[in-house]
Amino acid sequence: MSTEKEFETKEENPINNTVEENINEVESASELTIEEQLQEDLAKEKDKFLRLFAEFENYKKRTTKERIDLYKTANQEVLQAMLPVLDDFDRAWVQISKSEDEALKKGVELIHEKLKSTLVSKGLELVDVKAGDDFNADFAEAITQIPSPTEDLKGKIVDVVEKGYKLGDKIIRFPKVVIGN
């Protein structure tokens, strides 16, 4: 009897061993897919992280640039309000320079230069256009056209009526010009 039981156990063992091997193979196969799935998930998370990091870096660069631009043009409203005063001062200087009083001319000239240098130190620059230059609508505003006094002034600036100014690279007031037709 014990031999029969031993035989039965021996017979069953190869079958059981095969089933167990199959189960182990299935478990190892499912473990591989779990590992693969985890690696896939990790790769997705890394990609997501890199994209988020790049987006954040772009945000930092953009806000830094905007902040620098804001600092550059923070004075814009004040400078624009001062431009008519500067124009009036320029017109007054033309009239005062015709005066005979040297002390008056010297005093007004000092004040005029101080005002201009203060505005320049705050970033204000004169837009350089003069009579005889080619007209460019990106840098000047044509207020009228007149018949050209000479043939070479056709399509060119004949007169500058009002000076233009820029703050940094941005034009805050376009020069007003007359064009020859």
Protein backbone atom coordinates (compact mmCIF):
# COMPACT_ATOMS: atom_id res chain seq x y z
CA MET A 1 0.00 0.00 0.00
CA SER A 2 2.68 2.33 0.70
CA THR A 3 4.15 1.57 -2.71
CA GLU A 4 0.90 2.47 -4.38
CA LYS A 5 0.75 5.74 -2.54
CA GLU A 6 4.32 6.45 -3.44
CA PHE A 7 3.56 5.68 -7.07
CA GLU A 8 0.48 7.86 -7.01
CA THR A 9 2.45 10.68 -5.46
CA LYS A 10 5.24 10.22 -7.97
CA GLU A 11 2.72 10.17 -10.80
CA GLU A 12 0.97 13.21 -9.52
CA ASN A 13 4.19 15.10 -8.98
CA PRO A 14 5.08 15.33 -12.69
CA ILE A 15 1.60 16.65 -13.43
CA ASN A 16 1.66 18.98 -10.50
CA ASN A 17 5.16 20.10 -11.43
CA THR A 18 4.02 20.92 -14.97
CA VAL A 19 1.02 22.88 -13.69
CA GLU A 20 3.22 24.71 -11.22
CA GLU A 21 5.73 25.49 -13.94
CA ASN A 22 2.95 26.84 -16.13
CA ILE A 23 1.65 28.96 -13.27
CA ASN A 24 5.16 30.25 -12.57
CA GLU A 25 5.63 31.11 -16.25
CA VAL A 26 2.30 32.95 -16.33
CA GLU A 27 3.20 34.79 -13.12
CA SER A 28 6.63 35.73 -14.47
CA ALA A 29 5.04 36.85 -17.75
CA SER A 30 2.55 39.00 -15.85
CA GLU A 31 5.40 40.36 -13.74
CA LEU A 32 7.22 41.37 -16.90
CA THR A 33 4.17 43.15 -18.19
CA ILE A 34 3.79 44.88 -14.84
CA GLU A 35 7.45 45.91 -15.02
CA GLU A 36 7.00 47.04 -18.59
CA GLN A 37 3.87 48.92 -17.62
CA LEU A 38 5.69 50.60 -14.73
CA GLN A 39 8.54 51.56 -17.05
CA GLU A 40 6.03 52.94 -19.51
CA ASP A 41 4.32 54.92 -16.75
CA LEU A 42 7.69 56.19 -15.57
CA ALA A 43 8.59 57.29 -19.10
CA LYS A 44 5.24 59.11 -19.40
CA GLU A 45 5.79 60.87 -16.08
CA LYS A 46 9.32 61.86 -17.08
CA ASP A 47 8.00 63.28 -20.36
CA LYS A 48 5.28 65.15 -18.49
CA PHE A 49 7.85 66.51 -16.05
CA LEU A 50 10.19 67.64 -18.81
CA ARG A 51 7.38 69.40 -20.65
CA LEU A 52 6.22 71.11 -17.47
CA PHE A 53 9.79 72.13 -16.67
CA ALA A 54 10.27 73.56 -20.17
CA GLU A 55 6.97 75.41 -19.93
CA PHE A 56 8.01 76.88 -16.58
CA GLU A 57 11.40 77.96 -17.99
CA ASN A 58 9.61 79.69 -20.89
CA TYR A 59 7.29 81.39 -18.40
CA LYS A 60 10.26 82.66 -16.39
CA LYS A 61 12.00 83.99 -19.49
CA ARG A 62 8.81 85.67 -20.71
CA THR A 63 8.05 87.34 -17.38
CA THR A 64 11.65 88.48 -17.02
CA LYS A 65 11.52 90.03 -20.49
CA GLU A 66 8.17 91.68 -19.71
CA ARG A 67 9.56 93.06 -16.44
CA ILE A 68 12.60 94.50 -18.22
CA ASP A 69 10.36 96.04 -20.89
CA LEU A 70 8.14 97.49 -18.16
CA TYR A 71 11.13 99.10 -16.44
CA LYS A 72 12.31 100.52 -19.75
CA THR A 73 8.94 102.10 -20.54
CA ALA A 74 7.76 102.92 -17.01
CA ASN A 75 8.51 106.61 -17.62
CA GLN A 76 6.63 106.66 -20.91
CA GLU A 77 3.55 108.52 -19.69
CA VAL A 78 5.57 111.14 -17.84
CA LEU A 79 7.91 111.64 -20.78
CA GLN A 80 4.98 111.92 -23.19
CA ALA A 81 3.47 114.59 -20.94
CA MET A 82 6.79 116.47 -20.96
CA LEU A 83 7.15 116.48 -24.77
CA PRO A 84 4.82 119.51 -25.34
CA VAL A 85 6.79 121.39 -22.68
CA LEU A 86 10.03 120.55 -24.48
CA ASP A 87 8.49 121.70 -27.79
CA ASP A 88 7.42 125.00 -26.23
CA PHE A 89 10.86 125.39 -24.73
CA ASP A 90 12.47 124.80 -28.15
CA ARG A 91 10.23 127.45 -29.73
CA ALA A 92 10.96 129.88 -26.89
CA TRP A 93 14.68 129.25 -27.27
CA VAL A 94 14.53 130.17 -30.96
CA GLN A 95 12.95 133.51 -30.06
CA ILE A 96 15.18 134.18 -27.04
CA SER A 97 18.32 133.44 -29.04
CA LYS A 98 17.44 136.45 -31.20
CA SER A 99 17.56 138.66 -28.10
CA GLU A 100 20.42 141.05 -27.37
CA ASP A 101 20.54 140.17 -23.65
CA GLU A 102 23.45 137.73 -23.29
CA ALA A 103 22.67 136.91 -19.63
CA LEU A 104 19.10 135.94 -20.54
CA LYS A 105 20.31 133.76 -23.44
CA LYS A 106 22.92 132.06 -21.26
CA GLY A 107 20.43 131.36 -18.43
CA VAL A 108 17.72 129.99 -20.72
CA GLU A 109 20.28 127.93 -22.62
CA LEU A 110 21.47 126.33 -19.36
CA ILE A 111 17.91 125.47 -18.31
CA HIS A 112 17.09 124.15 -21.80
CA GLU A 113 20.17 121.91 -21.86
CA LYS A 114 19.46 120.66 -18.33
CA LEU A 115 15.88 119.73 -19.29
CA LYS A 116 17.06 117.93 -22.43
CA SER A 117 19.84 116.06 -20.62
CA THR A 118 17.43 114.98 -17.87
CA LEU A 119 14.97 113.60 -20.41
CA VAL A 120 17.79 111.87 -22.31
CA SER A 121 19.03 110.30 -19.06
CA LYS A 122 15.56 108.81 -18.60
CA GLY A 123 15.82 107.15 -22.02
CA LEU A 124 14.26 109.73 -24.33
CA GLU A 125 15.87 109.93 -27.78
CA LEU A 126 15.18 112.15 -30.75
CA VAL A 127 13.98 110.36 -33.90
CA ASP A 128 16.45 111.57 -36.47
CA VAL A 129 14.59 112.77 -39.57
CA LYS A 130 15.39 115.89 -41.53
CA ALA A 131 14.46 117.62 -44.75
CA GLY A 132 15.75 115.68 -47.75
CA ASP A 133 15.46 112.22 -46.17
CA ASP A 134 13.37 109.52 -47.82
CA PHE A 135 9.93 109.25 -46.27
CA ASN A 136 9.39 106.05 -44.28
CA ALA A 137 5.93 105.58 -42.78
CA ASP A 138 7.40 103.34 -40.07
CA PHE A 139 9.37 106.24 -38.58
CA ALA A 140 7.42 109.38 -39.50
CA GLU A 141 3.87 110.62 -39.88
CA ALA A 142 3.04 112.58 -43.03
CA ILE A 143 0.62 115.36 -42.21
CA THR A 144 0.44 116.80 -45.71
CA GLN A 145 1.88 116.68 -49.22
CA ILE A 146 2.92 119.72 -51.16
CA PRO A 147 4.23 120.16 -54.69
CA SER A 148 7.93 119.41 -54.56
CA PRO A 149 10.07 122.58 -54.70
CA THR A 150 12.74 120.64 -56.60
CA GLU A 151 12.70 117.44 -58.62
CA ASP A 152 15.00 115.61 -56.18
CA LEU A 153 12.57 116.12 -53.23
CA LYS A 154 9.72 114.10 -54.78
CA GLY A 155 8.66 111.43 -52.25
CA LYS A 156 11.07 112.87 -49.70
CA ILE A 157 10.66 114.93 -46.56
CA VAL A 158 10.40 118.66 -47.34
CA ASP A 159 9.91 119.92 -43.77
CA VAL A 160 9.74 118.56 -40.22
CA VAL A 161 6.79 120.21 -38.45
CA GLU A 162 7.12 118.45 -35.10
CA LYS A 163 10.03 116.42 -33.73
CA GLY A 164 9.56 112.76 -32.92
CA TYR A 165 10.88 110.91 -29.89
CA LYS A 166 11.48 107.33 -28.88
CA LEU A 167 11.95 105.61 -25.58
CA GLY A 168 14.39 102.76 -26.02
CA ASP A 169 13.39 101.08 -29.27
CA LYS A 170 9.75 102.18 -29.11
CA ILE A 171 8.65 105.39 -30.80
CA ILE A 172 6.43 107.29 -28.37
CA ARG A 173 5.75 110.21 -30.72
CA PHE A 174 6.22 110.05 -34.46
CA PRO A 175 7.76 113.08 -36.14
CA LYS A 176 5.21 115.01 -38.19
CA VAL A 177 6.56 115.82 -41.65
CA VAL A 178 5.59 117.40 -44.95
CA ILE A 179 6.30 115.34 -48.08
CA GLY A 180 7.11 116.59 -51.56
CA ASN A 181 4.76 115.36 -54.27
